[in-house]
Amino acid sequence: MINIDLDNVNEEAVYRAFNVDGNEAEALNDSYLELFEFIGRDAMLKLFKYFRGDKIDCPMRLYRPEFIADLAK
């Protein structure tokens, strides 16, 4: 029997309870599977926990233009 507190869901516990480990290609949504492959299970679960439902926009530039301008001075 699996006990899951639906009021306080722990995704790592769900991951273990449903034997997702090793079956990610079948179990995970395509977007989360891609994240799993790029950054690993723990980071993917953190992103899910904190940003699920949000759209994440990744700018083309990693650094702020002001930072680069200050370095150039």
Protein backbone atom coordinates (compact mmCIF):
# COMPACT_ATOMS: atom_id res chain seq x y z
CA MET A 1 0.00 0.00 0.00
CA ILE A 2 1.25 3.48 -0.90
CA ASN A 3 0.56 6.36 1.49
CA ILE A 4 0.72 9.79 -0.15
CA ASP A 5 -0.35 12.92 1.71
CA LEU A 6 -2.16 14.81 -1.06
CA ASP A 7 -2.17 18.01 1.01
CA ASN A 8 1.62 17.97 1.21
CA VAL A 9 2.83 16.12 -1.89
CA ASN A 10 6.51 15.32 -1.99
CA GLU A 11 7.41 14.71 -5.64
CA GLU A 12 10.48 12.67 -4.72
CA ALA A 13 8.25 10.28 -2.73
CA VAL A 14 5.84 10.01 -5.67
CA TYR A 15 8.80 9.41 -8.00
CA ARG A 16 9.90 6.47 -5.81
CA ALA A 17 6.39 5.15 -5.08
CA PHE A 18 5.49 4.84 -8.75
CA ASN A 19 8.89 3.44 -9.80
CA VAL A 20 9.57 6.26 -12.24
CA ASP A 21 13.33 5.75 -11.83
CA GLY A 22 14.51 4.09 -15.04
CA ASN A 23 11.13 4.62 -16.72
CA GLU A 24 11.36 8.37 -17.24
CA ALA A 25 10.80 8.17 -21.00
CA GLU A 26 7.43 6.52 -20.40
CA ALA A 27 6.41 8.42 -17.27
CA LEU A 28 7.48 12.05 -17.70
CA ASN A 29 5.84 14.73 -19.79
CA ASP A 30 8.05 15.55 -22.80
CA SER A 31 9.17 18.91 -21.40
CA TYR A 32 10.16 17.38 -18.06
CA LEU A 33 11.86 14.46 -19.78
CA GLU A 34 14.02 16.91 -21.70
CA LEU A 35 14.89 18.73 -18.47
CA PHE A 36 15.62 15.38 -16.80
CA GLU A 37 18.06 14.52 -19.59
CA PHE A 38 19.78 17.95 -19.46
CA ILE A 39 20.02 18.65 -15.73
CA GLY A 40 19.15 15.42 -13.93
CA ARG A 41 16.38 14.20 -11.67
CA ASP A 42 16.91 16.39 -8.61
CA ALA A 43 17.14 19.67 -10.52
CA MET A 44 14.16 18.71 -12.70
CA LEU A 45 12.06 17.99 -9.59
CA LYS A 46 13.10 21.35 -8.08
CA LEU A 47 12.06 23.17 -11.25
CA PHE A 48 8.74 21.34 -11.18
CA LYS A 49 8.18 22.19 -7.52
CA TYR A 50 8.92 25.90 -7.81
CA PHE A 51 7.95 26.79 -11.39
CA ARG A 52 5.25 24.33 -12.53
CA GLY A 53 2.57 26.08 -14.52
CA ASP A 54 4.83 29.08 -15.17
CA LYS A 55 6.34 29.94 -18.49
CA ILE A 56 10.08 30.44 -18.21
CA ASP A 57 11.58 32.88 -20.70
CA CYS A 58 15.32 32.46 -21.19
CA PRO A 59 16.90 35.60 -22.69
CA MET A 60 19.40 35.25 -25.52
CA ARG A 61 22.10 36.87 -23.37
CA LEU A 62 23.33 35.30 -20.14
CA TYR A 63 24.84 38.50 -18.72
CA ARG A 64 23.31 41.93 -18.14
CA PRO A 65 24.52 44.60 -20.60
CA GLU A 66 25.39 46.90 -17.67
CA PHE A 67 27.73 44.26 -16.25
CA ILE A 68 29.56 43.92 -19.58
CA ALA A 69 29.73 47.72 -19.97
CA ASP A 70 31.29 48.06 -16.51
CA LEU A 71 33.88 45.43 -17.38
CA ALA A 72 34.74 47.29 -20.58
CA LYS A 73 35.50 50.55 -18.72
